[in-house]
Every structure is written in structure tokens, then in C-alpha cells.
Amino acid sequence: MGKPTGFKEIARQDRVYAPVEQRIRHYDEFVLPLTDSELGAQGARCMDCGIPFCHQGCPVNNVIPDWNDLVYHDSWRQAIEVLHATNNFPEFTGRICPAPCEAACTLNIDDNPVTIKSIECGIVDRAWKEGWIKPQPASNKSGKQVAVVGSGPAGMACAQQLARAGHEVTLFEKEDRIGGLMRYGIPDFKMSKALIDRRAEQMAAEGVKIRTGVHIGKDIPARELVDDYDAVVLSGGSEHPRDLPVPGRDLDGIHFAMDFLRQQNRRVAGDQVADDEAILATGKHVIVIGGGDTGSDCIGTSIRQGAASVTQLEILPRPPEKENKGLTWPNWPNKFRTSSSQAEGAARDWCVATQAFVGENGAVKTLKAARVDWKKDDKGAWQMETIPGSEFELKADLVLIAMGFIHPVHEGMLAELGVELDGRGNVQANTSEYHTSLDKVFAAGDMRRGQSLVVWAIREGRQAAESVDRFLNGGAR
């Protein structure tokens, strides 16, 4: 390490947000970056750990201590080379990853981990600014053709790795732009879509053929890909939402979160949304059901649209304010967190179960709920019980269901292929070969593992590409 005593001498400093009253007026990113000198000082805090547990925490196996040290020594160009060796898109993870690496950092034992995520983002942002990031086309072509279906982070990473290995890659996307849920699920104020466009240009220059507006299993038979390509990778994500089948669910004004978020992202991109199809929070009492990241994105978007009020309901108990480090470290802890969107003015409530919706003239107006208690049964499994007499009502002009996704969409491509599914309804494939039950067909990302993080999708896309490359080379690599 360049400064073995840095963690003793330098306090943790991280990026901050623009003030709430400023940032809720627009859909631009609002995280204020650290200067290069500040990032260098933070890199000096990285300890000379006997075992760098940040490696365990990072799904893509970033070589974190190395690029921390390089930033401290002002070797930024070498730092981006080390960072890109394990992560195709660090500008994505540097913005929207929850940073399990920081939870695993040795310095997190006393709640002062190295600002790994900010350093990562600083490295790649400077690399783009300096013009260090260039297309890396393959010097030799294999003559093999690969179809990658789904252009989220798993599909993008897989396509880029395979193209760099010399294969002819076609990336199929059913939407009009690539990026998957990064494009139409994550709001622009968390990650600018210009970052995706820039990577798309790089990938195209490396030989990836990008075909948008093509829905495999609908516009093109899935079997046609299997017949025409030497390998097919299924990376279409997990898009079947968990519903809430209670009385009044069919009232107007109750929508899945992704329908709401997709519309606003299209508006920000300059697309037109028909008035009779618009889902807007303006002037409305908004209820967001679900306490995860998607629910948080709904909050930030609703506030920017001018909602009268925003309330987020979670059926699980409120997490503890602080984790027990002796029991959880270096693993990701369950503890109370407040997102930037929640801090912008949402009311939050826990242990709440929605029982029914009540409407007027066909539109939702009231949400009926009750409080629940969680207890372990005789086998140690948590069970939920409704607390008698705890019923209450909330005003609800717009209800957004953000309860997660249960598995990929089966209708269409998967049903046509007849690919084997696991017990949760995901495409069956292991993490050593990523090979499905069908010859020549592989699966990666949320379509294989279920709803997860962008960083896990990038990891799976990279590893699936390596497996496909071995397959196309007869197992020689």
C-alpha cells in the first residue's frame, strides 16, 4: 500500500447530494463528485488487509485495493485498466450499485469503510473525459455467430466480451433502445441514459450488431435463432411482476411500478406519451407498495411530478437502525436505510398489509390496510398474522405496485423454446457453464438467477460469455 497509515490519518469522505429543493425540480443526476485529490486521499485509506474482504463483497471481483492504490499515486490511466479488467461498465455500478464491497470492507467494522464506489465512479468518469476509453475490436475473427437476446447489463456485458473474443455478435432488444431496465426502469436522476448510449457506440464499433425493436418469440421465432446461430444467450431479465390480488385491484389508478417508471423515462428521452395512457402523480396522493429500490424510484419520480403526498408501505418489519457487526460482517447487513428519494419527502410505514382498494366512478380513492405481526412458528419459519383492530385507511389517487418480480416472462420465447425452468420459474442453468437444457442455448442475468443487482448481471454476462467462447472453440479455452 502507498500509505499504510492512511486509514488512521484520513477521515472517510464521500460524495454528497445536491439540496432536495434543487434536485426535485429536474431529472438530471444530482450526486456531487469528489475532486481527484479528494479521491486520491480516500484511496490512501485502503488498508493492507491480510484478506481483502471487499473482493468477497464484489460480485464482479473488482481488484479494489489495486486501483485504490493507483488513484492514491495519481496513476489514473492504469487504474481504469485494472477496473475494466473485471467490470465492463463501472460507470453503471459506480452510480447504482448498493456497494456490497463497502459493507465487506475491513474498515466497515467501525462504520467507516473506504469510499470504494465513489473511487470507482471517479476512475471511469475521468477515463471517459480524458479519452482513454476506446473501442477494442478483435484482431482475429472466429467466423462463429452468436445471438444475445436482451440488452440489459447481462446482455450488454456478454455481447461485448464475445465480440472482443472475435465472434460475430447480434444483440436483440424488444424495446426501441438498449439497456433493459437500466434504460426504462431506473430514473435518469439516478443514472443518465447517455452513459448507456456511449457504451452502445463503443460496442457497435467493436462489431456488435444491435437490433432494437425486435421481440424474439413474437417478431422472430425463437427457434429461428437456434437454427441460424452457433450459440444463443438468453439474457432477457426477470419481468413478470408480483401482483396484489385484493378487492378493488381492477380500479383505474392502480399500476405496476415499471409501467409508471417506463413512461417517465420515455418522457425524459423526448418520447411522446398519449394523454389517455399517461400515468402521472401530479396533484395526487400516491401510495407506493413495496419498500425496495423500485419503490424508491417511484417515490423520487412522483415527487418530481408534483404529487400531493407520497407514502411507501412495506409488509416486513422496520429493520434495525444498526446491524450487529459481530454477526453480519463482512456480509451485506439488514439494517435501516434511507434512499435519496425517500429523503425527499416520503412517509414510510412498515408491517402494513393492503387489504382492499375502494374507488369512486371506477377510480381508486382509498386504500384499506391493517397492521401485521411477524412471529416464528414451531419450525422456526416466520409467519405473518394480522393484528385485530388495527385496520386503517389512506387516501390513494394513484397506487404503484413495486413488490418485485417473480420470474422471467414465460409466454413467447421461453415457451416456444421449451427450455427447462427451475423451481422458481427461472431458466435452469448453472454458474459454471451457464448452459441451459437446450444445445447451443445459454442463459445469464436475472433470467437465470432471478431479480437481482446490475453488478450481478454484469458478472453473469461476462461469465456466460467465457462459457460460450469455450463452447464455440470446442472446449479449448
Protein backbone atom coordinates (compact mmCIF):
# COMPACT_ATOMS: atom_id res chain seq x y z
CA MET A 1 0.00 0.00 0.00
CA GLY A 2 1.19 3.50 -0.78
CA LYS A 3 0.18 4.83 2.65
CA PRO A 4 -0.11 2.06 5.24
CA THR A 5 -1.26 4.51 7.93
CA GLY A 6 -3.76 6.33 5.69
CA PHE A 7 -6.79 4.82 7.40
CA LYS A 8 -5.59 6.28 10.71
CA GLU A 9 -4.82 9.74 9.39
CA ILE A 10 -7.56 10.42 6.85
CA ALA A 11 -11.28 10.59 7.63
CA ARG A 12 -13.85 9.00 5.37
CA GLN A 13 -15.28 11.45 2.85
CA ASP A 14 -17.93 10.53 0.31
CA ARG A 15 -19.98 12.19 -2.40
CA VAL A 16 -22.95 14.27 -1.30
CA TYR A 17 -26.27 15.13 -2.93
CA ALA A 18 -27.48 18.47 -4.23
CA PRO A 19 -30.06 20.01 -1.86
CA VAL A 20 -33.53 18.47 -2.02
CA GLU A 21 -35.22 21.73 -3.00
CA GLN A 22 -32.95 21.94 -6.06
CA ARG A 23 -32.82 18.36 -7.26
CA ILE A 24 -36.55 17.63 -7.23
CA ARG A 25 -37.02 20.26 -9.95
CA HIS A 26 -35.34 18.16 -12.63
CA TYR A 27 -34.49 14.62 -13.74
CA ASP A 28 -30.71 15.06 -14.01
CA GLU A 29 -28.15 13.30 -11.84
CA PHE A 30 -27.60 15.20 -8.59
CA VAL A 31 -24.66 13.43 -6.92
CA LEU A 32 -21.79 15.87 -6.45
CA PRO A 33 -18.49 14.13 -7.28
CA LEU A 34 -15.31 14.37 -5.24
CA THR A 35 -12.25 16.04 -6.75
CA ASP A 36 -9.35 13.93 -7.99
CA SER A 37 -7.25 14.95 -4.99
CA GLU A 38 -10.06 14.04 -2.60
CA LEU A 39 -10.44 10.65 -4.28
CA GLY A 40 -6.69 10.12 -4.03
CA ALA A 41 -6.84 10.75 -0.31
CA GLN A 42 -9.73 8.31 0.04
CA GLY A 43 -7.73 5.71 -1.89
CA ALA A 44 -4.97 6.12 0.68
CA ARG A 45 -7.38 4.87 3.36
CA CYS A 46 -7.38 1.37 1.84
CA MET A 47 -5.68 -0.90 4.37
CA ASP A 48 -3.01 -3.51 3.76
CA CYS A 49 -5.51 -6.23 4.65
CA GLY A 50 -4.29 -9.78 5.01
CA ILE A 51 -7.53 -10.83 3.34
CA PRO A 52 -9.26 -8.04 1.35
CA PHE A 53 -12.86 -8.90 2.12
CA CYS A 54 -14.01 -6.28 -0.41
CA HIS A 55 -13.20 -8.94 -3.04
CA GLN A 56 -15.75 -11.22 -1.40
CA GLY A 57 -18.34 -8.47 -1.35
CA CYS A 58 -17.91 -7.51 -5.02
CA PRO A 59 -19.81 -9.82 -7.42
CA VAL A 60 -17.58 -8.91 -10.39
CA ASN A 61 -14.41 -9.50 -8.35
CA ASN A 62 -13.05 -5.99 -8.80
CA VAL A 63 -9.39 -5.76 -7.78
CA ILE A 64 -10.28 -2.95 -5.42
CA PRO A 65 -7.09 -2.47 -3.37
CA ASP A 66 -5.03 -2.19 -6.55
CA TRP A 67 -6.99 0.63 -8.12
CA ASN A 68 -7.38 2.38 -4.77
CA ASP A 69 -3.60 2.46 -4.53
CA LEU A 70 -3.22 3.60 -8.15
CA VAL A 71 -5.59 6.52 -7.57
CA TYR A 72 -3.60 7.48 -4.47
CA HIS A 73 -0.46 7.51 -6.62
CA ASP A 74 -2.21 9.57 -9.34
CA SER A 75 -1.93 6.66 -11.82
CA TRP A 76 -5.44 7.09 -13.19
CA ARG A 77 -4.87 5.56 -16.61
CA GLN A 78 -3.52 2.36 -15.11
CA ALA A 79 -6.41 2.41 -12.64
CA ILE A 80 -9.03 2.27 -15.41
CA GLU A 81 -7.19 -0.66 -17.00
CA VAL A 82 -7.35 -2.58 -13.72
CA LEU A 83 -11.01 -1.61 -13.24
CA HIS A 84 -12.00 -2.63 -16.78
CA ALA A 85 -10.28 -5.98 -16.35
CA THR A 86 -13.23 -7.13 -14.24
CA ASN A 87 -16.07 -4.71 -14.98
CA ASN A 88 -17.26 -3.68 -18.44
CA PHE A 89 -19.40 -0.79 -17.20
CA PRO A 90 -18.07 0.74 -13.96
CA GLU A 91 -19.95 3.98 -14.67
CA PHE A 92 -23.16 1.98 -14.17
CA THR A 93 -22.12 0.29 -10.95
CA GLY A 94 -20.42 3.47 -9.72
CA ARG A 95 -23.86 5.06 -9.71
CA ILE A 96 -26.48 2.41 -8.96
CA CYS A 97 -24.71 -0.44 -7.17
CA PRO A 98 -25.52 -0.62 -3.43
CA ALA A 99 -21.80 -1.28 -2.86
CA PRO A 100 -21.64 -4.62 -1.03
CA CYS A 101 -17.87 -4.16 -1.32
CA GLU A 102 -18.05 -1.31 1.19
CA ALA A 103 -20.14 -3.41 3.58
CA ALA A 104 -17.36 -6.03 3.39
CA CYS A 105 -14.51 -3.52 3.83
CA THR A 106 -12.42 -4.15 6.95
CA LEU A 107 -12.86 -0.51 7.91
CA ASN A 108 -16.62 -1.03 7.97
CA ILE A 109 -16.17 -2.80 11.29
CA ASP A 110 -16.35 0.70 12.81
CA ASP A 111 -18.69 2.11 10.13
CA ASN A 112 -16.00 3.95 8.14
CA PRO A 113 -15.36 1.87 5.02
CA VAL A 114 -13.26 3.07 2.13
CA THR A 115 -15.41 5.03 -0.35
CA ILE A 116 -14.95 2.30 -2.96
CA LYS A 117 -17.99 3.15 -5.05
CA SER A 118 -17.07 6.82 -5.38
CA ILE A 119 -13.48 5.99 -6.32
CA GLU A 120 -14.72 3.52 -8.95
CA CYS A 121 -17.03 6.12 -10.45
CA GLY A 122 -14.30 8.75 -10.36
CA ILE A 123 -11.90 6.50 -12.23
CA VAL A 124 -14.23 5.72 -15.12
CA ASP A 125 -15.66 9.23 -15.38
CA ARG A 126 -12.14 10.65 -15.68
CA ALA A 127 -11.19 7.95 -18.19
CA TRP A 128 -14.07 8.97 -20.46
CA LYS A 129 -13.21 12.65 -20.03
CA GLU A 130 -9.56 12.04 -20.94
CA GLY A 131 -10.47 9.92 -23.96
CA TRP A 132 -8.77 6.80 -22.62
CA ILE A 133 -11.71 4.51 -23.29
CA LYS A 134 -11.65 3.32 -26.89
CA PRO A 135 -13.32 0.51 -28.84
CA GLN A 136 -11.43 -2.78 -28.60
CA PRO A 137 -12.29 -4.70 -31.78
CA ALA A 138 -10.96 -8.23 -32.09
CA SER A 139 -7.83 -8.67 -34.16
CA ASN A 140 -8.96 -12.09 -35.36
CA LYS A 141 -12.45 -13.31 -36.23
CA SER A 142 -13.70 -16.80 -35.38
CA GLY A 143 -16.42 -16.94 -38.01
CA LYS A 144 -18.88 -18.03 -35.31
CA GLN A 145 -22.18 -16.20 -34.85
CA VAL A 146 -23.86 -15.60 -31.50
CA ALA A 147 -27.31 -14.17 -30.76
CA VAL A 148 -27.75 -12.42 -27.40
CA VAL A 149 -31.41 -11.83 -26.51
CA GLY A 150 -31.96 -8.99 -24.05
CA SER A 151 -29.79 -5.90 -23.75
CA GLY A 152 -29.74 -5.23 -20.04
CA PRO A 153 -26.37 -5.22 -18.24
CA ALA A 154 -26.03 -9.02 -18.57
CA GLY A 155 -26.70 -8.97 -22.31
CA MET A 156 -24.51 -5.93 -22.89
CA ALA A 157 -21.57 -7.42 -20.98
CA CYS A 158 -21.96 -10.80 -22.66
CA ALA A 159 -22.18 -9.30 -26.16
CA GLN A 160 -19.17 -7.08 -25.62
CA GLN A 161 -16.99 -9.88 -24.27
CA LEU A 162 -17.91 -12.23 -27.12
CA ALA A 163 -17.26 -9.57 -29.76
CA ARG A 164 -13.85 -8.87 -28.27
CA ALA A 165 -13.16 -12.62 -28.41
CA GLY A 166 -13.66 -12.47 -32.17
CA HIS A 167 -17.21 -13.77 -32.60
CA GLU A 168 -19.93 -12.15 -34.70
CA VAL A 169 -22.49 -11.00 -32.16
CA THR A 170 -26.03 -9.75 -32.68
CA LEU A 171 -27.73 -8.16 -29.67
CA PHE A 172 -31.54 -8.27 -29.82
CA GLU A 173 -33.74 -5.91 -27.80
CA LYS A 174 -37.54 -5.69 -27.87
CA GLU A 175 -37.58 -2.01 -26.84
CA ASP A 176 -36.50 0.84 -29.11
CA ARG A 177 -33.25 1.43 -27.21
CA ILE A 178 -30.85 -0.91 -25.44
CA GLY A 179 -30.26 -1.03 -21.71
CA GLY A 180 -33.13 -3.13 -20.37
CA LEU A 181 -34.44 -1.99 -17.00
CA MET A 182 -31.42 0.30 -16.66
CA ARG A 183 -32.94 2.26 -19.54
CA TYR A 184 -36.63 2.24 -18.69
CA GLY A 185 -36.72 1.21 -15.03
CA ILE A 186 -34.02 3.29 -13.33
CA PRO A 187 -34.80 7.04 -13.38
CA ASP A 188 -32.45 9.43 -15.15
CA PHE A 189 -31.79 11.28 -11.90
CA LYS A 190 -30.04 8.13 -10.65
CA MET A 191 -28.24 7.29 -13.90
CA SER A 192 -28.16 9.31 -17.11
CA LYS A 193 -29.09 7.24 -20.15
CA ALA A 194 -26.32 9.00 -22.09
CA LEU A 195 -23.99 6.58 -20.29
CA ILE A 196 -25.75 3.62 -21.94
CA ASP A 197 -25.72 5.32 -25.34
CA ARG A 198 -21.98 5.90 -25.07
CA ARG A 199 -21.33 2.24 -24.34
CA ALA A 200 -23.65 1.23 -27.18
CA GLU A 201 -21.50 3.27 -29.56
CA GLN A 202 -18.37 1.56 -28.24
CA MET A 203 -19.92 -1.88 -28.66
CA ALA A 204 -21.06 -1.11 -32.20
CA ALA A 205 -17.51 -0.01 -33.06
CA GLU A 206 -16.30 -3.34 -31.70
CA GLY A 207 -18.56 -5.19 -34.11
CA VAL A 208 -21.70 -5.87 -32.07
CA LYS A 209 -24.78 -5.67 -34.29
CA ILE A 210 -27.55 -4.04 -32.26
CA ARG A 211 -31.10 -4.78 -33.35
CA THR A 212 -33.72 -2.89 -31.35
CA GLY A 213 -37.48 -3.16 -31.68
CA VAL A 214 -37.20 -6.91 -32.27
CA HIS A 215 -39.19 -9.08 -29.86
CA ILE A 216 -37.87 -12.64 -30.05
CA GLY A 217 -40.74 -15.10 -29.82
CA LYS A 218 -43.07 -12.53 -31.35
CA ASP A 219 -41.41 -10.72 -34.26
CA ILE A 220 -38.90 -13.50 -34.90
CA PRO A 221 -39.44 -17.14 -33.86
CA ALA A 222 -37.02 -18.14 -31.13
CA ARG A 223 -36.26 -21.38 -32.94
CA GLU A 224 -35.02 -19.36 -35.90
CA LEU A 225 -32.18 -18.05 -33.75
CA VAL A 226 -31.23 -21.55 -32.64
CA ASP A 227 -31.16 -22.67 -36.27
CA ASP A 228 -29.27 -19.66 -37.64
CA TYR A 229 -26.67 -19.00 -34.93
CA ASP A 230 -23.85 -21.08 -33.48
CA ALA A 231 -24.92 -20.11 -29.95
CA VAL A 232 -27.79 -18.22 -28.32
CA VAL A 233 -27.65 -16.43 -24.97
CA LEU A 234 -30.90 -15.68 -23.14
CA SER A 235 -30.45 -12.55 -21.02
CA GLY A 236 -33.94 -11.08 -21.10
CA GLY A 237 -34.24 -10.31 -17.41
CA SER A 238 -36.98 -11.07 -14.89
CA GLU A 239 -40.01 -9.04 -15.88
CA HIS A 240 -43.06 -10.86 -14.52
CA PRO A 241 -44.20 -8.57 -11.67
CA ARG A 242 -45.60 -9.76 -8.36
CA ASP A 243 -49.23 -8.69 -8.24
CA LEU A 244 -51.53 -7.80 -5.34
CA PRO A 245 -54.84 -9.70 -5.80
CA VAL A 246 -57.10 -7.90 -3.34
CA PRO A 247 -60.61 -6.47 -3.82
CA GLY A 248 -60.59 -3.35 -5.98
CA ARG A 249 -57.36 -4.23 -7.78
CA ASP A 250 -59.01 -3.54 -11.15
CA LEU A 251 -59.80 0.11 -10.35
CA ASP A 252 -58.25 2.83 -12.50
CA GLY A 253 -55.20 4.44 -10.95
CA ILE A 254 -53.55 1.20 -9.79
CA HIS A 255 -50.46 0.33 -11.81
CA PHE A 256 -47.34 -1.75 -11.73
CA ALA A 257 -44.30 0.35 -10.86
CA MET A 258 -42.48 -0.40 -14.10
CA ASP A 259 -45.37 0.93 -16.20
CA PHE A 260 -45.13 4.21 -14.32
CA LEU A 261 -41.33 4.45 -14.44
CA ARG A 262 -41.10 3.43 -18.09
CA GLN A 263 -43.42 6.25 -19.11
CA GLN A 264 -41.46 8.93 -17.29
CA ASN A 265 -38.14 7.70 -18.65
CA ARG A 266 -39.60 7.92 -22.13
CA ARG A 267 -40.71 11.49 -21.48
CA VAL A 268 -37.22 12.42 -20.34
CA ALA A 269 -35.86 10.81 -23.53
CA GLY A 270 -38.14 13.06 -25.57
CA ASP A 271 -40.78 10.48 -26.49
CA GLN A 272 -44.47 11.34 -26.58
CA VAL A 273 -46.91 9.57 -24.25
CA ALA A 274 -50.57 9.71 -25.22
CA ASP A 275 -52.74 11.67 -22.78
CA ASP A 276 -55.22 8.82 -22.41
CA GLU A 277 -52.39 6.45 -21.44
CA ALA A 278 -50.48 8.79 -19.14
CA ILE A 279 -49.76 7.69 -15.58
CA LEU A 280 -48.96 10.85 -13.62
CA ALA A 281 -48.65 11.65 -9.93
CA THR A 282 -49.26 15.38 -10.33
CA GLY A 283 -51.51 16.66 -7.54
CA LYS A 284 -52.31 13.15 -6.34
CA HIS A 285 -51.98 11.23 -3.08
CA VAL A 286 -49.59 8.46 -4.11
CA ILE A 287 -49.21 5.13 -2.36
CA VAL A 288 -46.14 3.03 -3.23
CA ILE A 289 -46.49 -0.60 -2.14
CA GLY A 290 -43.07 -2.18 -1.71
CA GLY A 291 -40.00 -0.95 0.15
CA GLY A 292 -37.21 -1.82 -2.29
CA ASP A 293 -35.24 0.16 -4.87
CA THR A 294 -38.08 0.15 -7.41
CA GLY A 295 -40.43 1.61 -4.81
CA SER A 296 -37.84 4.25 -4.01
CA ASP A 297 -37.59 5.14 -7.71
CA CYS A 298 -41.36 5.58 -7.78
CA ILE A 299 -41.10 7.99 -4.84
CA GLY A 300 -38.48 10.20 -6.47
CA THR A 301 -40.39 10.26 -9.74
CA SER A 302 -43.72 11.04 -8.05
CA ILE A 303 -42.19 13.92 -6.11
CA ARG A 304 -40.71 15.38 -9.30
CA GLN A 305 -44.10 15.13 -10.97
CA GLY A 306 -45.63 17.19 -8.18
CA ALA A 307 -47.51 14.64 -6.06
CA ALA A 308 -49.65 16.00 -3.24
CA SER A 309 -48.21 13.32 -0.93
CA VAL A 310 -46.22 10.09 -1.23
CA THR A 311 -46.50 7.19 1.21
CA GLN A 312 -44.47 3.99 0.96
CA LEU A 313 -45.83 0.82 2.56
CA GLU A 314 -43.75 -2.24 3.43
CA ILE A 315 -45.21 -5.50 4.70
CA LEU A 316 -42.00 -6.51 6.51
CA PRO A 317 -40.88 -5.08 9.87
CA ARG A 318 -38.72 -1.96 10.04
CA PRO A 319 -35.07 -3.08 10.03
CA PRO A 320 -32.81 -2.29 12.98
CA GLU A 321 -31.04 1.07 12.96
CA LYS A 322 -27.64 -0.63 13.17
CA GLU A 323 -26.50 -4.14 12.41
CA ASN A 324 -24.61 -6.41 14.80
CA LYS A 325 -21.20 -6.37 13.13
CA GLY A 326 -20.09 -9.45 15.04
CA LEU A 327 -22.85 -11.45 13.38
CA THR A 328 -23.09 -9.88 9.92
CA TRP A 329 -19.71 -8.51 8.77
CA PRO A 330 -18.42 -8.95 6.04
CA ASN A 331 -21.81 -9.91 4.61
CA TRP A 332 -24.48 -7.46 3.46
CA PRO A 333 -26.45 -6.49 6.58
CA ASN A 334 -30.15 -5.97 7.06
CA LYS A 335 -30.41 -2.52 8.57
CA PHE A 336 -32.45 0.66 8.25
CA ARG A 337 -31.52 2.70 5.19
CA THR A 338 -32.94 5.87 3.67
CA SER A 339 -32.55 6.37 -0.07
CA SER A 340 -32.09 9.78 -1.66
CA SER A 341 -35.67 9.60 -2.95
CA GLN A 342 -37.12 8.68 0.44
CA ALA A 343 -35.25 11.63 1.93
CA GLU A 344 -37.05 13.95 -0.49
CA GLY A 345 -40.29 13.79 1.44
CA ALA A 346 -41.97 10.38 1.53
CA ALA A 347 -43.83 8.97 4.53
CA ARG A 348 -42.82 5.38 5.26
CA ASP A 349 -44.67 2.68 7.17
CA TRP A 350 -43.82 -0.94 8.00
CA CYS A 351 -45.73 -4.11 8.88
CA VAL A 352 -48.63 -2.99 6.73
CA ALA A 353 -50.73 -5.36 4.61
CA THR A 354 -53.05 -3.93 1.96
CA GLN A 355 -56.50 -5.48 2.28
CA ALA A 356 -58.56 -3.70 -0.39
CA PHE A 357 -58.93 -0.68 -2.63
CA VAL A 358 -62.06 1.45 -2.70
CA GLY A 359 -62.96 3.70 -5.61
CA GLU A 360 -65.33 6.35 -6.90
CA ASN A 361 -66.56 6.33 -10.51
CA GLY A 362 -64.21 3.47 -11.28
CA ALA A 363 -61.05 5.16 -9.99
CA VAL A 364 -59.19 4.34 -6.77
CA LYS A 365 -59.64 6.78 -3.90
CA THR A 366 -58.87 4.83 -0.73
CA LEU A 367 -56.50 2.08 0.35
CA LYS A 368 -57.65 -0.14 3.20
CA ALA A 369 -54.88 -1.74 5.23
CA ALA A 370 -54.13 -3.46 8.51
CA ARG A 371 -51.04 -3.89 10.61
CA VAL A 372 -49.37 -7.26 10.85
CA ASP A 373 -47.11 -9.01 13.31
CA TRP A 374 -44.31 -11.43 12.40
CA LYS A 375 -43.64 -14.45 14.61
CA LYS A 376 -41.72 -17.67 14.22
CA ASP A 377 -43.65 -20.92 14.17
CA ASP A 378 -42.60 -24.20 15.79
CA LYS A 379 -40.21 -24.89 12.88
CA GLY A 380 -38.53 -21.50 13.13
CA ALA A 381 -40.17 -20.07 9.99
CA TRP A 382 -41.50 -16.52 10.07
CA GLN A 383 -45.27 -16.27 9.83
CA MET A 384 -47.41 -13.15 9.38
CA GLU A 385 -50.53 -12.51 11.44
CA THR A 386 -52.98 -9.63 11.06
CA ILE A 387 -53.38 -7.63 14.27
CA PRO A 388 -57.10 -7.47 15.17
CA GLY A 389 -58.49 -3.96 15.29
CA SER A 390 -55.50 -2.42 13.52
CA GLU A 391 -57.33 -1.56 10.29
CA PHE A 392 -56.86 1.92 8.83
CA GLU A 393 -57.36 3.81 5.57
CA LEU A 394 -55.20 6.07 3.41
CA LYS A 395 -56.07 8.47 0.63
CA ALA A 396 -54.98 6.94 -2.65
CA ASP A 397 -55.40 8.65 -6.01
CA LEU A 398 -52.50 6.69 -7.53
CA VAL A 399 -51.23 3.31 -6.33
CA LEU A 400 -47.93 1.93 -7.62
CA ILE A 401 -47.24 -1.76 -7.01
CA ALA A 402 -43.49 -2.20 -6.53
CA MET A 403 -43.40 -5.67 -4.98
CA GLY A 404 -40.65 -7.10 -7.16
CA PHE A 405 -40.58 -9.66 -9.94
CA ILE A 406 -41.22 -13.38 -9.56
CA HIS A 407 -39.57 -14.78 -12.69
CA PRO A 408 -38.99 -14.06 -16.40
CA VAL A 409 -41.95 -13.87 -18.75
CA HIS A 410 -42.68 -17.43 -19.87
CA GLU A 411 -45.06 -16.64 -22.71
CA GLY A 412 -43.40 -16.29 -26.09
CA MET A 413 -39.70 -17.08 -26.33
CA LEU A 414 -39.27 -19.42 -23.34
CA ALA A 415 -42.48 -21.33 -24.02
CA GLU A 416 -41.57 -21.71 -27.68
CA LEU A 417 -38.10 -23.00 -26.90
CA GLY A 418 -39.34 -25.32 -24.17
CA VAL A 419 -36.26 -24.57 -22.10
CA GLU A 420 -36.18 -26.20 -18.66
CA LEU A 421 -37.05 -23.95 -15.71
CA ASP A 422 -36.01 -24.18 -12.07
CA GLY A 423 -38.33 -24.33 -9.08
CA ARG A 424 -38.76 -20.56 -9.05
CA GLY A 425 -39.64 -20.31 -12.73
CA ASN A 426 -36.25 -19.04 -13.88
CA VAL A 427 -34.29 -20.56 -16.76
CA GLN A 428 -32.33 -23.54 -15.43
CA ALA A 429 -28.56 -23.16 -15.87
CA ASN A 430 -25.61 -23.46 -13.51
CA THR A 431 -22.90 -20.88 -12.82
CA SER A 432 -20.02 -22.87 -14.27
CA GLU A 433 -21.31 -23.34 -17.83
CA TYR A 434 -24.50 -21.21 -17.99
CA HIS A 435 -25.74 -23.88 -20.40
CA THR A 436 -29.50 -24.46 -20.48
CA SER A 437 -31.26 -27.75 -21.17
CA LEU A 438 -31.01 -26.99 -24.90
CA ASP A 439 -27.93 -27.45 -27.04
CA LYS A 440 -26.35 -24.14 -28.11
CA VAL A 441 -28.56 -22.14 -25.71
CA PHE A 442 -27.18 -20.36 -22.64
CA ALA A 443 -28.77 -18.09 -20.01
CA ALA A 444 -27.42 -15.31 -17.82
CA GLY A 445 -28.54 -12.48 -15.56
CA ASP A 446 -31.93 -12.11 -13.92
CA MET A 447 -33.49 -14.54 -16.40
CA ARG A 448 -31.32 -17.24 -14.82
CA ARG A 449 -30.79 -16.09 -11.22
CA GLY A 450 -33.99 -14.11 -10.60
CA GLN A 451 -34.38 -10.44 -9.73
CA SER A 452 -31.00 -9.10 -8.65
CA LEU A 453 -28.47 -6.27 -8.96
CA VAL A 454 -26.84 -4.70 -12.01
CA VAL A 455 -23.45 -5.80 -10.72
CA TRP A 456 -24.58 -9.44 -10.57
CA ALA A 457 -25.93 -9.16 -14.11
CA ILE A 458 -22.58 -7.88 -15.39
CA ARG A 459 -20.81 -10.75 -13.65
CA GLU A 460 -23.14 -13.34 -15.16
CA GLY A 461 -22.89 -11.80 -18.62
CA ARG A 462 -19.11 -11.94 -18.50
CA GLN A 463 -19.00 -15.49 -17.20
CA ALA A 464 -21.60 -16.69 -19.70
CA ALA A 465 -19.53 -15.16 -22.50
CA GLU A 466 -16.50 -17.10 -21.31
CA SER A 467 -18.53 -20.32 -21.32
CA VAL A 468 -19.93 -19.62 -24.80
CA ASP A 469 -16.42 -18.89 -26.05
CA ARG A 470 -15.21 -22.25 -24.74
CA PHE A 471 -18.20 -23.96 -26.34
CA LEU A 472 -17.55 -22.34 -29.72
CA ASN A 473 -13.90 -23.29 -29.52
CA GLY A 474 -14.65 -26.91 -28.75
CA GLY A 475 -13.80 -26.52 -25.09
CA ALA A 476 -10.25 -25.47 -25.93
CA ARG A 477 -10.40 -22.26 -23.86
